[in-house]
């Protein structure tokens, strides 16, 4: 297990605490430049200690952005009540889209082919007309994991960071199993990933899902 890399940590900080610092600026920027719904595809490469060497196509559909009010509630829940309360709150949030691995082959205990509902979706403009997208959702816990309660159950969230250029192409990182905590003494969000590094999302391409008339 390790602390997430600086880029993913920065993205996750935006995910949970960025609005608290600059609510007006970030709320006004939210969603600019991306007309929903959109579909993103990426080539996922897993170089971590979990499923080392596996790769395949990831598909992400974003149909709705999280509202500022919804985001504020999640922030306050995390800061005041901790990870368990945040998990319960996230599971009650309406779906913002879906992430899946449509070409998944073999055993699928975590429902990668079917996919998972996105519970959080946030976007801010990036330099030179690009986009930064942060996605979050509760990780699927299968029967074996729920029954045996291994250490992985302490890592119930998945976080995705995507950086796109003005043409809707780019790269990202997918932290499959993460643990969130807030150090009140340091006033700092702490994010720990169960695997040795996030899954790399290469060759990301975004396309509109709106029907052409």
Protein backbone atom coordinates (compact mmCIF):
# COMPACT_ATOMS: atom_id res chain seq x y z
CA UNK A 1 0.00 0.00 0.00
CA UNK A 2 1.18 3.53 -0.64
CA UNK A 3 0.20 7.18 -0.70
CA UNK A 4 -1.05 8.27 -4.09
CA UNK A 5 1.23 10.12 -6.48
CA UNK A 6 1.22 13.90 -6.41
CA UNK A 7 -0.99 14.29 -9.50
CA UNK A 8 -3.64 11.91 -8.24
CA UNK A 9 -3.44 13.38 -4.75
CA UNK A 10 -4.00 16.85 -6.19
CA UNK A 11 -6.98 15.62 -8.17
CA UNK A 12 -8.48 13.88 -5.18
CA UNK A 13 -7.96 17.00 -3.08
CA UNK A 14 -9.98 18.89 -5.67
CA UNK A 15 -12.54 16.10 -5.44
CA UNK A 16 -13.15 16.51 -1.72
CA UNK A 17 -11.84 19.80 -0.39
CA UNK A 18 -11.17 22.17 -3.27
CA UNK A 19 -14.58 23.83 -3.15
CA UNK A 20 -14.19 24.68 0.50
CA UNK A 21 -11.25 26.92 -0.37
CA UNK A 22 -12.64 28.57 -3.54
CA UNK A 23 -16.38 27.84 -3.84
CA UNK A 24 -17.37 30.65 -6.20
CA UNK A 25 -14.55 30.27 -8.71
CA UNK A 26 -14.72 26.50 -8.96
CA UNK A 27 -18.51 26.30 -8.98
CA UNK A 28 -18.70 28.81 -11.83
CA UNK A 29 -16.12 26.82 -13.82
CA UNK A 30 -17.88 23.51 -13.29
CA UNK A 31 -18.94 21.87 -16.54
CA UNK A 32 -17.72 24.63 -18.87
CA UNK A 33 -16.62 23.35 -22.26
CA UNK A 34 -18.06 19.82 -22.01
CA UNK A 35 -21.62 19.22 -23.14
CA UNK A 36 -23.07 16.10 -21.57
CA UNK A 37 -23.63 13.26 -22.11
CA UNK A 38 -20.17 12.15 -23.28
CA UNK A 39 -18.38 8.84 -23.74
CA UNK A 40 -14.68 8.38 -23.06
CA UNK A 41 -12.62 5.38 -24.08
CA UNK A 42 -9.11 4.58 -22.85
CA UNK A 43 -6.55 1.82 -23.00
CA UNK A 44 -6.03 0.75 -19.39
CA UNK A 45 -2.64 -0.64 -18.34
CA UNK A 46 -2.22 -2.20 -14.90
CA UNK A 47 1.40 -2.20 -13.73
CA UNK A 48 0.60 -2.54 -10.02
CA UNK A 49 1.04 -5.48 -7.67
CA UNK A 50 -2.62 -6.43 -8.19
CA UNK A 51 -3.28 -8.20 -11.46
CA UNK A 52 0.10 -7.13 -12.85
CA UNK A 53 0.25 -6.89 -16.64
CA UNK A 54 -3.49 -6.96 -17.29
CA UNK A 55 -4.79 -4.40 -19.77
CA UNK A 56 -7.87 -3.63 -21.83
CA UNK A 57 -10.31 -0.97 -23.01
CA UNK A 58 -12.08 1.12 -20.39
CA UNK A 59 -15.32 2.92 -21.21
CA UNK A 60 -16.64 5.86 -19.19
CA UNK A 61 -20.01 7.51 -19.74
CA UNK A 62 -20.69 10.81 -17.99
CA UNK A 63 -24.31 11.90 -18.04
CA UNK A 64 -24.42 14.46 -15.25
CA UNK A 65 -22.07 16.56 -13.13
CA UNK A 66 -22.31 16.58 -9.36
CA UNK A 67 -24.01 19.69 -8.03
CA UNK A 68 -22.19 22.16 -5.80
CA UNK A 69 -24.64 21.39 -2.97
CA UNK A 70 -24.10 17.66 -3.33
CA UNK A 71 -20.35 18.14 -3.30
CA UNK A 72 -20.55 20.33 -0.21
CA UNK A 73 -22.52 17.63 1.64
CA UNK A 74 -19.89 14.99 0.83
CA UNK A 75 -17.08 17.29 1.95
CA UNK A 76 -18.77 18.02 5.27
CA UNK A 77 -19.56 14.35 5.83
CA UNK A 78 -15.92 13.38 5.24
CA UNK A 79 -14.49 16.12 7.44
CA UNK A 80 -16.94 15.73 10.31
CA UNK A 81 -17.83 12.02 10.34
CA UNK A 82 -15.07 10.13 8.54
CA UNK A 83 -14.79 7.50 5.83
CA UNK A 84 -17.58 5.15 6.92
CA UNK A 85 -20.15 7.93 6.93
CA UNK A 86 -18.82 9.18 3.59
CA UNK A 87 -19.23 5.71 2.07
CA UNK A 88 -22.86 5.56 3.22
CA UNK A 89 -23.51 9.04 1.80
CA UNK A 90 -21.85 8.22 -1.53
CA UNK A 91 -23.96 5.09 -1.94
CA UNK A 92 -27.12 7.20 -1.64
CA UNK A 93 -26.08 9.70 -4.32
CA UNK A 94 -27.72 9.35 -7.74
CA UNK A 95 -25.65 7.92 -10.58
CA UNK A 96 -23.72 10.40 -12.70
CA UNK A 97 -22.77 7.85 -15.35
CA UNK A 98 -20.93 4.55 -15.57
CA UNK A 99 -17.44 3.09 -15.92
CA UNK A 100 -16.81 -0.41 -17.23
CA UNK A 101 -14.42 -2.72 -19.07
CA UNK A 102 -16.61 -4.09 -21.89
CA UNK A 103 -14.03 -6.54 -23.22
CA UNK A 104 -13.25 -8.17 -19.87
CA UNK A 105 -12.46 -11.88 -20.26
CA UNK A 106 -12.48 -14.67 -17.68
CA UNK A 107 -13.60 -14.54 -14.02
CA UNK A 108 -15.16 -11.23 -13.10
CA UNK A 109 -15.67 -11.10 -9.31
CA UNK A 110 -15.76 -7.29 -9.28
CA UNK A 111 -18.23 -6.89 -12.16
CA UNK A 112 -15.75 -5.06 -14.40
CA UNK A 113 -17.64 -5.96 -17.57
CA UNK A 114 -20.97 -4.72 -16.24
CA UNK A 115 -19.31 -1.75 -14.59
CA UNK A 116 -20.03 0.62 -11.71
CA UNK A 117 -22.18 3.70 -11.25
CA UNK A 118 -20.25 6.94 -10.97
CA UNK A 119 -21.31 8.66 -7.75
CA UNK A 120 -19.22 11.79 -8.22
CA UNK A 121 -18.25 13.67 -11.38
CA UNK A 122 -16.53 17.05 -11.36
CA UNK A 123 -14.89 19.09 -14.09
CA UNK A 124 -12.79 22.25 -14.19
CA UNK A 125 -11.06 23.88 -17.17
CA UNK A 126 -7.37 23.10 -17.65
CA UNK A 127 -4.76 25.33 -19.31
CA UNK A 128 -4.91 25.97 -23.07
CA UNK A 129 -8.53 24.92 -23.43
CA UNK A 130 -8.18 21.48 -21.89
CA UNK A 131 -10.23 19.77 -19.21
CA UNK A 132 -9.58 18.14 -15.86
CA UNK A 133 -12.16 15.57 -14.77
CA UNK A 134 -12.33 13.81 -11.41
CA UNK A 135 -14.63 10.83 -10.89
CA UNK A 136 -15.38 8.88 -7.72
CA UNK A 137 -17.48 5.87 -6.80
CA UNK A 138 -17.83 3.17 -4.16
CA UNK A 139 -15.89 0.04 -5.06
CA UNK A 140 -17.89 -3.15 -5.66
CA UNK A 141 -17.45 -5.60 -2.77
CA UNK A 142 -18.06 -9.20 -3.86
CA UNK A 143 -19.41 -12.07 -1.76
CA UNK A 144 -16.00 -13.55 -0.88
CA UNK A 145 -14.60 -10.19 0.20
CA UNK A 146 -17.68 -9.31 2.24
CA UNK A 147 -17.64 -12.70 3.99
CA UNK A 148 -13.91 -12.93 4.74
CA UNK A 149 -13.28 -9.24 5.48
CA UNK A 150 -9.69 -8.99 4.20
CA UNK A 151 -7.82 -5.70 4.54
CA UNK A 152 -9.12 -4.54 1.17
CA UNK A 153 -12.52 -3.77 2.70
CA UNK A 154 -10.85 -0.77 4.36
CA UNK A 155 -10.29 0.65 0.86
CA UNK A 156 -13.88 1.14 -0.37
CA UNK A 157 -13.49 3.96 -2.89
CA UNK A 158 -12.28 4.24 -6.48
CA UNK A 159 -10.91 7.52 -7.87
CA UNK A 160 -10.27 8.48 -11.49
CA UNK A 161 -8.32 11.52 -12.70
CA UNK A 162 -8.50 12.48 -16.37
CA UNK A 163 -6.58 15.25 -18.15
CA UNK A 164 -7.76 16.14 -21.66
CA UNK A 165 -6.47 18.64 -24.20
CA UNK A 166 -8.71 21.00 -26.18
CA UNK A 167 -9.38 18.21 -28.70
CA UNK A 168 -10.79 15.88 -26.06
CA UNK A 169 -7.77 13.56 -25.98
CA UNK A 170 -5.44 12.79 -23.12
CA UNK A 171 -4.55 10.42 -20.31
CA UNK A 172 -5.49 9.58 -16.77
CA UNK A 173 -5.08 7.38 -13.71
CA UNK A 174 -7.50 5.02 -12.00
CA UNK A 175 -6.94 4.23 -8.31
CA UNK A 176 -9.06 1.10 -7.86
CA UNK A 177 -9.13 0.75 -4.07
CA UNK A 178 -8.48 3.77 -1.87
CA UNK A 179 -8.83 4.74 1.77
CA UNK A 180 -9.70 8.33 2.71
CA UNK A 181 -8.99 10.08 5.99
CA UNK A 182 -8.59 13.66 7.19
CA UNK A 183 -5.79 14.66 9.56
CA UNK A 184 -7.27 17.51 11.56
CA UNK A 185 -3.89 18.39 13.11
CA UNK A 186 -2.30 18.81 9.68
CA UNK A 187 -5.56 20.03 8.11
CA UNK A 188 -4.80 17.62 5.28
CA UNK A 189 -6.70 15.02 3.31
CA UNK A 190 -4.86 11.68 3.26
CA UNK A 191 -5.46 9.21 0.45
CA UNK A 192 -3.99 5.73 0.48
CA UNK A 193 -4.13 3.33 -2.45
CA UNK A 194 -4.14 -0.41 -1.77
CA UNK A 195 -2.09 -1.26 -4.87
CA UNK A 196 1.44 -0.10 -5.63
CA UNK A 197 0.28 2.39 -8.24
CA UNK A 198 -2.89 3.47 -10.05
CA UNK A 199 -3.92 1.89 -13.35
CA UNK A 200 -2.79 4.05 -16.25
CA UNK A 201 -5.44 5.25 -18.67
CA UNK A 202 -3.74 5.93 -22.01
CA UNK A 203 -5.04 7.24 -25.34
CA UNK A 204 -8.21 8.67 -23.86
CA UNK A 205 -10.69 9.98 -26.41
CA UNK A 206 -13.94 11.79 -25.71
CA UNK A 207 -16.99 11.83 -27.94
CA UNK A 208 -20.46 13.30 -27.61
CA UNK A 209 -23.35 10.89 -27.01
CA UNK A 210 -25.92 13.35 -28.30
CA UNK A 211 -27.84 12.21 -31.33
CA UNK A 212 -27.00 14.14 -34.46
CA UNK A 213 -29.94 15.67 -36.28
